[in-house]
Amino acid sequence: MNDLKHRYIEDEMPREKKAKTLPVKAEEKDLMSNNDYLSMLTELKKHVLECQQRAATAVNKELIQLYWTIGKSIIERQEGSG
């Protein structure tokens, strides 16, 4: 019975498809050198980091303004109730 169950599962599982390889022209094969790739990757990482830092700064600025407004509201209410 185990053999039948095992065979059934194998028959139902999809077969892997092999990727077709297309002929590539010599100049297309080497789109960029390793140095060019590393340089581009370094620049992209730098850009991502700079954007993350600007985003964090903007969030912090908004939070400081929010907390200041909350604090001001609390003080005004305390002073008003005397």
PDB file of N, CA and C in Angstrom:
ATOM      1  N   MET A   1       0.824  -1.199   0.000  1.00  0.00           N
ATOM      2  CA  MET A   1       0.000   0.000   0.000  1.00  0.00           C
ATOM      3  C   MET A   1       0.864   1.258   0.000  1.00  0.00           C
ATOM      4  N   ASN A   2       1.964   1.252   0.723  1.00  0.00           N
ATOM      5  CA  ASN A   2       2.868   2.399   0.728  1.00  0.00           C
ATOM      6  C   ASN A   2       3.369   2.718  -0.666  1.00  0.00           C
ATOM      7  N   ASP A   3       3.680   1.674  -1.447  1.00  0.00           N
ATOM      8  CA  ASP A   3       4.176   1.889  -2.807  1.00  0.00           C
ATOM      9  C   ASP A   3       3.126   2.583  -3.663  1.00  0.00           C
ATOM     10  N   LEU A   4       1.870   2.200  -3.518  1.00  0.00           N
ATOM     11  CA  LEU A   4       0.802   2.825  -4.301  1.00  0.00           C
ATOM     12  C   LEU A   4       0.630   4.289  -3.916  1.00  0.00           C
ATOM     13  N   LYS A   5       0.662   4.576  -2.633  1.00  0.00           N
ATOM     14  CA  LYS A   5       0.506   5.953  -2.170  1.00  0.00           C
ATOM     15  C   LYS A   5       1.665   6.811  -2.657  1.00  0.00           C
ATOM     16  N   HIS A   6       2.879   6.279  -2.560  1.00  0.00           N
ATOM     17  CA  HIS A   6       4.066   6.996  -2.994  1.00  0.00           C
ATOM     18  C   HIS A   6       4.007   7.268  -4.498  1.00  0.00           C
ATOM     19  N   ARG A   7       3.617   6.274  -5.270  1.00  0.00           N
ATOM     20  CA  ARG A   7       3.532   6.417  -6.718  1.00  0.00           C
ATOM     21  C   ARG A   7       2.476   7.465  -7.076  1.00  0.00           C
ATOM     22  N   TYR A   8       1.367   7.479  -6.385  1.00  0.00           N
ATOM     23  CA  TYR A   8       0.285   8.433  -6.654  1.00  0.00           C
ATOM     24  C   TYR A   8       0.769   9.864  -6.421  1.00  0.00           C
ATOM     25  N   ILE A   9       1.480  10.094  -5.326  1.00  0.00           N
ATOM     26  CA  ILE A   9       1.978  11.429  -5.015  1.00  0.00           C
ATOM     27  C   ILE A   9       2.968  11.877  -6.083  1.00  0.00           C
ATOM     28  N   GLU A  10       3.860  11.010  -6.504  1.00  0.00           N
ATOM     29  CA  GLU A  10       4.834  11.366  -7.539  1.00  0.00           C
ATOM     30  C   GLU A  10       4.146  11.704  -8.845  1.00  0.00           C
ATOM     31  N   ASP A  11       3.092  10.954  -9.192  1.00  0.00           N
ATOM     32  CA  ASP A  11       2.381  11.217 -10.439  1.00  0.00           C
ATOM     33  C   ASP A  11       1.682  12.569 -10.409  1.00  0.00           C
ATOM     34  N   GLU A  12       1.250  13.019  -9.248  1.00  0.00           N
ATOM     35  CA  GLU A  12       0.508  14.265  -9.136  1.00  0.00           C
ATOM     36  C   GLU A  12       1.404  15.492  -9.025  1.00  0.00           C
ATOM     37  N   MET A  13       2.649  15.314  -8.646  1.00  0.00           N
ATOM     38  CA  MET A  13       3.536  16.456  -8.448  1.00  0.00           C
ATOM     39  C   MET A  13       3.978  17.008  -9.801  1.00  0.00           C
ATOM     40  N   PRO A  14       3.999  18.342  -9.929  1.00  0.00           N
ATOM     41  CA  PRO A  14       4.429  18.930 -11.201  1.00  0.00           C
ATOM     42  C   PRO A  14       5.911  18.695 -11.433  1.00  0.00           C
ATOM     43  N   ARG A  15       6.248  18.499 -12.664  1.00  0.00           N
ATOM     44  CA  ARG A  15       7.648  18.293 -13.033  1.00  0.00           C
ATOM     45  C   ARG A  15       8.329  19.654 -13.186  1.00  0.00           C
ATOM     46  N   GLU A  16       9.609  19.699 -12.842  1.00  0.00           N
ATOM     47  CA  GLU A  16      10.357  20.941 -13.015  1.00  0.00           C
ATOM     48  C   GLU A  16      10.606  21.168 -14.495  1.00  0.00           C
ATOM     49  N   LYS A  17      10.454  22.413 -14.911  1.00  0.00           N
ATOM     50  CA  LYS A  17      10.724  22.768 -16.292  1.00  0.00           C
ATOM     51  C   LYS A  17      12.142  23.295 -16.392  1.00  0.00           C
ATOM     52  N   LYS A  18      12.836  22.855 -17.398  1.00  0.00           N
ATOM     53  CA  LYS A  18      14.189  23.342 -17.603  1.00  0.00           C
ATOM     54  C   LYS A  18      14.124  24.681 -18.325  1.00  0.00           C
ATOM     55  N   ALA A  19      14.951  25.612 -17.882  1.00  0.00           N
ATOM     56  CA  ALA A  19      14.984  26.925 -18.503  1.00  0.00           C
ATOM     57  C   ALA A  19      15.633  26.815 -19.877  1.00  0.00           C
ATOM     58  N   LYS A  20      15.042  27.510 -20.825  1.00  0.00           N
ATOM     59  CA  LYS A  20      15.614  27.527 -22.165  1.00  0.00           C
ATOM     60  C   LYS A  20      16.730  28.557 -22.197  1.00  0.00           C
ATOM     61  N   THR A  21      17.813  28.184 -22.806  1.00  0.00           N
ATOM     62  CA  THR A  21      18.916  29.135 -22.952  1.00  0.00           C
ATOM     63  C   THR A  21      18.873  29.690 -24.360  1.00  0.00           C
ATOM     64  N   LEU A  22      18.893  30.995 -24.440  1.00  0.00           N
ATOM     65  CA  LEU A  22      18.867  31.664 -25.723  1.00  0.00           C
ATOM     66  C   LEU A  22      20.277  32.084 -26.097  1.00  0.00           C
ATOM     67  N   PRO A  23      20.575  32.092 -27.364  1.00  0.00           N
ATOM     68  CA  PRO A  23      21.911  32.549 -27.759  1.00  0.00           C
ATOM     69  C   PRO A  23      22.087  34.022 -27.403  1.00  0.00           C
ATOM     70  N   VAL A  24      23.265  34.358 -26.915  1.00  0.00           N
ATOM     71  CA  VAL A  24      23.546  35.725 -26.491  1.00  0.00           C
ATOM     72  C   VAL A  24      24.722  36.249 -27.295  1.00  0.00           C
ATOM     73  N   LYS A  25      24.575  37.460 -27.789  1.00  0.00           N
ATOM     74  CA  LYS A  25      25.676  38.084 -28.512  1.00  0.00           C
ATOM     75  C   LYS A  25      26.819  38.363 -27.544  1.00  0.00           C
ATOM     76  N   ALA A  26      28.029  38.377 -28.025  1.00  0.00           N
ATOM     77  CA  ALA A  26      29.204  38.561 -27.171  1.00  0.00           C
ATOM     78  C   ALA A  26      29.146  39.873 -26.406  1.00  0.00           C
ATOM     79  N   GLU A  27      28.714  40.971 -27.052  1.00  0.00           N
ATOM     80  CA  GLU A  27      28.696  42.259 -26.366  1.00  0.00           C
ATOM     81  C   GLU A  27      27.573  42.340 -25.336  1.00  0.00           C
ATOM     82  N   GLU A  28      26.529  41.539 -25.472  1.00  0.00           N
ATOM     83  CA  GLU A  28      25.438  41.542 -24.500  1.00  0.00           C
ATOM     84  C   GLU A  28      25.763  40.675 -23.281  1.00  0.00           C
ATOM     85  N   LYS A  29      26.623  39.698 -23.479  1.00  0.00           N
ATOM     86  CA  LYS A  29      26.938  38.782 -22.396  1.00  0.00           C
ATOM     87  C   LYS A  29      27.603  39.506 -21.227  1.00  0.00           C
ATOM     88  N   ASP A  30      28.527  40.389 -21.516  1.00  0.00           N
ATOM     89  CA  ASP A  30      29.237  41.135 -20.492  1.00  0.00           C
ATOM     90  C   ASP A  30      28.682  42.554 -20.460  1.00  0.00           C
ATOM     91  N   LEU A  31      27.533  42.736 -19.788  1.00  0.00           N
ATOM     92  CA  LEU A  31      26.901  44.043 -19.754  1.00  0.00           C
ATOM     93  C   LEU A  31      27.720  45.052 -18.971  1.00  0.00           C
ATOM     94  N   MET A  32      28.358  44.607 -17.904  1.00  0.00           N
ATOM     95  CA  MET A  32      29.206  45.514 -17.126  1.00  0.00           C
ATOM     96  C   MET A  32      30.295  44.699 -16.448  1.00  0.00           C
ATOM     97  N   SER A  33      31.402  45.364 -16.227  1.00  0.00           N
ATOM     98  CA  SER A  33      32.521  44.689 -15.575  1.00  0.00           C
ATOM     99  C   SER A  33      32.242  44.572 -14.081  1.00  0.00           C
ATOM    100  N   ASN A  34      33.009  43.766 -13.421  1.00  0.00           N
ATOM    101  CA  ASN A  34      32.865  43.616 -11.969  1.00  0.00           C
ATOM    102  C   ASN A  34      33.070  44.943 -11.251  1.00  0.00           C
ATOM    103  N   ASN A  35      34.053  45.722 -11.711  1.00  0.00           N
ATOM    104  CA  ASN A  35      34.312  47.020 -11.083  1.00  0.00           C
ATOM    105  C   ASN A  35      33.137  47.965 -11.268  1.00  0.00           C
ATOM    106  N   ASP A  36      32.562  47.961 -12.485  1.00  0.00           N
ATOM    107  CA  ASP A  36      31.390  48.802 -12.735  1.00  0.00           C
ATOM    108  C   ASP A  36      30.221  48.373 -11.864  1.00  0.00           C
ATOM    109  N   TYR A  37      30.038  47.060 -11.743  1.00  0.00           N
ATOM    110  CA  TYR A  37      28.952  46.523 -10.924  1.00  0.00           C
ATOM    111  C   TYR A  37      29.137  46.917  -9.456  1.00  0.00           C
ATOM    112  N   LEU A  38      30.340  46.751  -8.945  1.00  0.00           N
ATOM    113  CA  LEU A  38      30.612  47.101  -7.549  1.00  0.00           C
ATOM    114  C   LEU A  38      30.434  48.596  -7.312  1.00  0.00           C
ATOM    115  N   SER A  39      30.856  49.408  -8.266  1.00  0.00           N
ATOM    116  CA  SER A  39      30.695  50.847  -8.153  1.00  0.00           C
ATOM    117  C   SER A  39      29.206  51.216  -8.126  1.00  0.00           C
ATOM    118  N   MET A  40      28.428  50.623  -9.026  1.00  0.00           N
ATOM    119  CA  MET A  40      26.993  50.896  -9.064  1.00  0.00           C
ATOM    120  C   MET A  40      26.328  50.444  -7.773  1.00  0.00           C
ATOM    121  N   LEU A  41      26.684  49.274  -7.293  1.00  0.00           N
ATOM    122  CA  LEU A  41      26.115  48.747  -6.060  1.00  0.00           C
ATOM    123  C   LEU A  41      26.451  49.647  -4.873  1.00  0.00           C
ATOM    124  N   THR A  42      27.662  50.139  -4.815  1.00  0.00           N
ATOM    125  CA  THR A  42      28.081  51.046  -3.749  1.00  0.00           C
ATOM    126  C   THR A  42      27.269  52.331  -3.789  1.00  0.00           C
ATOM    127  N   GLU A  43      27.080  52.887  -4.982  1.00  0.00           N
ATOM    128  CA  GLU A  43      26.298  54.119  -5.131  1.00  0.00           C
ATOM    129  C   GLU A  43      24.838  53.894  -4.725  1.00  0.00           C
ATOM    130  N   LEU A  44      24.275  52.759  -5.120  1.00  0.00           N
ATOM    131  CA  LEU A  44      22.884  52.466  -4.751  1.00  0.00           C
ATOM    132  C   LEU A  44      22.724  52.326  -3.243  1.00  0.00           C
ATOM    133  N   LYS A  45      23.659  51.639  -2.612  1.00  0.00           N
ATOM    134  CA  LYS A  45      23.610  51.483  -1.155  1.00  0.00           C
ATOM    135  C   LYS A  45      23.726  52.833  -0.461  1.00  0.00           C
ATOM    136  N   LYS A  46      24.606  53.684  -0.975  1.00  0.00           N
ATOM    137  CA  LYS A  46      24.784  55.021  -0.411  1.00  0.00           C
ATOM    138  C   LYS A  46      23.494  55.820  -0.542  1.00  0.00           C
ATOM    139  N   HIS A  47      22.855  55.738  -1.698  1.00  0.00           N
ATOM    140  CA  HIS A  47      21.602  56.462  -1.933  1.00  0.00           C
ATOM    141  C   HIS A  47      20.496  55.956  -1.003  1.00  0.00           C
ATOM    142  N   VAL A  48      20.384  54.644  -0.837  1.00  0.00           N
ATOM    143  CA  VAL A  48      19.384  54.067   0.067  1.00  0.00           C
ATOM    144  C   VAL A  48      19.613  54.560   1.489  1.00  0.00           C
ATOM    145  N   LEU A  49      20.857  54.537   1.949  1.00  0.00           N
ATOM    146  CA  LEU A  49      21.186  54.980   3.297  1.00  0.00           C
ATOM    147  C   LEU A  49      20.844  56.455   3.494  1.00  0.00           C
ATOM    148  N   GLU A  50      21.183  57.287   2.505  1.00  0.00           N
ATOM    149  CA  GLU A  50      20.868  58.714   2.609  1.00  0.00           C
ATOM    150  C   GLU A  50      19.359  58.944   2.687  1.00  0.00           C
ATOM    151  N   CYS A  51      18.601  58.222   1.890  1.00  0.00           N
ATOM    152  CA  CYS A  51      17.137  58.353   1.907  1.00  0.00           C
ATOM    153  C   CYS A  51      16.556  57.884   3.240  1.00  0.00           C
ATOM    154  N   GLN A  52      17.099  56.803   3.776  1.00  0.00           N
ATOM    155  CA  GLN A  52      16.640  56.315   5.078  1.00  0.00           C
ATOM    156  C   GLN A  52      16.915  57.344   6.165  1.00  0.00           C
ATOM    157  N   GLN A  53      18.086  57.987   6.105  1.00  0.00           N
ATOM    158  CA  GLN A  53      18.432  58.998   7.100  1.00  0.00           C
ATOM    159  C   GLN A  53      17.527  60.216   6.996  1.00  0.00           C
ATOM    160  N   ARG A  54      17.228  60.648   5.764  1.00  0.00           N
ATOM    161  CA  ARG A  54      16.308  61.788   5.591  1.00  0.00           C
ATOM    162  C   ARG A  54      14.910  61.439   6.088  1.00  0.00           C
ATOM    163  N   ALA A  55      14.473  60.231   5.835  1.00  0.00           N
ATOM    164  CA  ALA A  55      13.150  59.801   6.291  1.00  0.00           C
ATOM    165  C   ALA A  55      13.096  59.769   7.816  1.00  0.00           C
ATOM    166  N   ALA A  56      14.135  59.235   8.451  1.00  0.00           N
ATOM    167  CA  ALA A  56      14.177  59.177   9.914  1.00  0.00           C
ATOM    168  C   ALA A  56      14.195  60.584  10.507  1.00  0.00           C
ATOM    169  N   THR A  57      14.929  61.501   9.884  1.00  0.00           N
ATOM    170  CA  THR A  57      14.975  62.885  10.352  1.00  0.00           C
ATOM    171  C   THR A  57      13.606  63.540  10.249  1.00  0.00           C
ATOM    172  N   ALA A  58      12.909  63.304   9.146  1.00  0.00           N
ATOM    173  CA  ALA A  58      11.576  63.882   8.950  1.00  0.00           C
ATOM    174  C   ALA A  58      10.594  63.329   9.985  1.00  0.00           C
ATOM    175  N   VAL A  59      10.666  62.046  10.252  1.00  0.00           N
ATOM    176  CA  VAL A  59       9.783  61.432  11.260  1.00  0.00           C
ATOM    177  C   VAL A  59      10.077  62.013  12.633  1.00  0.00           C
ATOM    178  N   ASN A  60      11.352  62.117  12.984  1.00  0.00           N
ATOM    179  CA  ASN A  60      11.722  62.674  14.284  1.00  0.00           C
ATOM    180  C   ASN A  60      11.244  64.110  14.433  1.00  0.00           C
ATOM    181  N   LYS A  61      11.359  64.896  13.366  1.00  0.00           N
ATOM    182  CA  LYS A  61      10.897  66.279  13.399  1.00  0.00           C
ATOM    183  C   LYS A  61       9.401  66.334  13.685  1.00  0.00           C
ATOM    184  N   GLU A  62       8.631  65.520  12.998  1.00  0.00           N
ATOM    185  CA  GLU A  62       7.181  65.488  13.202  1.00  0.00           C
ATOM    186  C   GLU A  62       6.829  65.038  14.617  1.00  0.00           C
ATOM    187  N   LEU A  63       7.534  64.051  15.141  1.00  0.00           N
ATOM    188  CA  LEU A  63       7.259  63.577  16.503  1.00  0.00           C
ATOM    189  C   LEU A  63       7.578  64.652  17.536  1.00  0.00           C
ATOM    190  N   ILE A  64       8.672  65.384  17.338  1.00  0.00           N
ATOM    191  CA  ILE A  64       9.020  66.467  18.272  1.00  0.00           C
ATOM    192  C   ILE A  64       7.930  67.532  18.269  1.00  0.00           C
ATOM    193  N   GLN A  65       7.445  67.882  17.067  1.00  0.00           N
ATOM    194  CA  GLN A  65       6.364  68.873  16.984  1.00  0.00           C
ATOM    195  C   GLN A  65       5.094  68.355  17.663  1.00  0.00           C
ATOM    196  N   LEU A  66       4.790  67.092  17.478  1.00  0.00           N
ATOM    197  CA  LEU A  66       3.613  66.496  18.116  1.00  0.00           C
ATOM    198  C   LEU A  66       3.739  66.549  19.638  1.00  0.00           C
ATOM    199  N   TYR A  67       4.884  66.098  20.156  1.00  0.00           N
ATOM    200  CA  TYR A  67       5.075  66.085  21.613  1.00  0.00           C
ATOM    201  C   TYR A  67       5.036  67.499  22.192  1.00  0.00           C
ATOM    202  N   TRP A  68       5.604  68.471  21.474  1.00  0.00           N
ATOM    203  CA  TRP A  68       5.586  69.852  21.939  1.00  0.00           C
ATOM    204  C   TRP A  68       4.139  70.357  22.010  1.00  0.00           C
ATOM    205  N   THR A  69       3.337  70.050  20.984  1.00  0.00           N
ATOM    206  CA  THR A  69       1.938  70.464  20.957  1.00  0.00           C
ATOM    207  C   THR A  69       1.149  69.808  22.092  1.00  0.00           C
ATOM    208  N   ILE A  70       1.410  68.547  22.330  1.00  0.00           N
ATOM    209  CA  ILE A  70       0.741  67.848  23.439  1.00  0.00           C
ATOM    210  C   ILE A  70       1.116  68.490  24.764  1.00  0.00           C
ATOM    211  N   GLY A  71       2.403  68.743  24.966  1.00  0.00           N
ATOM    212  CA  GLY A  71       2.872  69.372  26.207  1.00  0.00           C
ATOM    213  C   GLY A  71       2.266  70.752  26.395  1.00  0.00           C
ATOM    214  N   LYS A  72       2.219  71.542  25.331  1.00  0.00           N
ATOM    215  CA  LYS A  72       1.642  72.878  25.392  1.00  0.00           C
ATOM    216  C   LYS A  72       0.162  72.803  25.780  1.00  0.00           C
ATOM    217  N   SER A  73      -0.559  71.862  25.182  1.00  0.00           N
ATOM    218  CA  SER A  73      -1.988  71.695  25.495  1.00  0.00           C
ATOM    219  C   SER A  73      -2.188  71.331  26.962  1.00  0.00           C
ATOM    220  N   ILE A  74      -1.344  70.465  27.481  1.00  0.00           N
ATOM    221  CA  ILE A  74      -1.451  70.050  28.888  1.00  0.00           C
ATOM    222  C   ILE A  74      -1.195  71.247  29.802  1.00  0.00           C
ATOM    223  N   ILE A  75      -0.148  72.019  29.515  1.00  0.00           N
ATOM    224  CA  ILE A  75       0.194  73.186  30.348  1.00  0.00           C
ATOM    225  C   ILE A  75      -0.923  74.213  30.314  1.00  0.00           C
ATOM    226  N   GLU A  76      -1.453  74.484  29.107  1.00  0.00           N
ATOM    227  CA  GLU A  76      -2.546  75.447  28.997  1.00  0.00           C
ATOM    228  C   GLU A  76      -3.779  75.003  29.790  1.00  0.00           C
ATOM    229  N   ARG A  77      -4.089  73.745  29.751  1.00  0.00           N
ATOM    230  CA  ARG A  77      -5.236  73.217  30.478  1.00  0.00           C
ATOM    231  C   ARG A  77      -5.001  73.321  31.997  1.00  0.00           C
ATOM    232  N   GLN A  78      -3.763  72.985  32.435  1.00  0.00           N
ATOM    233  CA  GLN A  78      -3.443  73.093  33.859  1.00  0.00           C
ATOM    234  C   GLN A  78      -3.530  74.533  34.347  1.00  0.00           C
ATOM    235  N   GLU A  79      -2.998  75.464  33.561  1.00  0.00           N
ATOM    236  CA  GLU A  79      -3.028  76.866  33.952  1.00  0.00           C
ATOM    237  C   GLU A  79      -4.464  77.407  33.938  1.00  0.00           C
ATOM    238  N   GLY A  80      -5.288  76.910  33.036  1.00  0.00           N
ATOM    239  CA  GLY A  80      -6.671  77.358  32.948  1.00  0.00           C
ATOM    240  C   GLY A  80      -7.535  76.851  34.092  1.00  0.00           C
ATOM    241  N   SER A  81      -7.191  75.684  34.619  1.00  0.00           N
ATOM    242  CA  SER A  81      -8.013  75.119  35.710  1.00  0.00           C
ATOM    243  C   SER A  81      -7.506  75.531  37.077  1.00  0.00           C
ATOM    244  N   GLY A  82      -6.397  76.222  37.093  1.00  0.00           N
ATOM    245  CA  GLY A  82      -5.887  76.844  38.216  1.00  0.00           C
ATOM    246  C   GLY A  82      -5.488  76.338  39.458  1.00  0.00           C
TER     247      GLY A  82
END
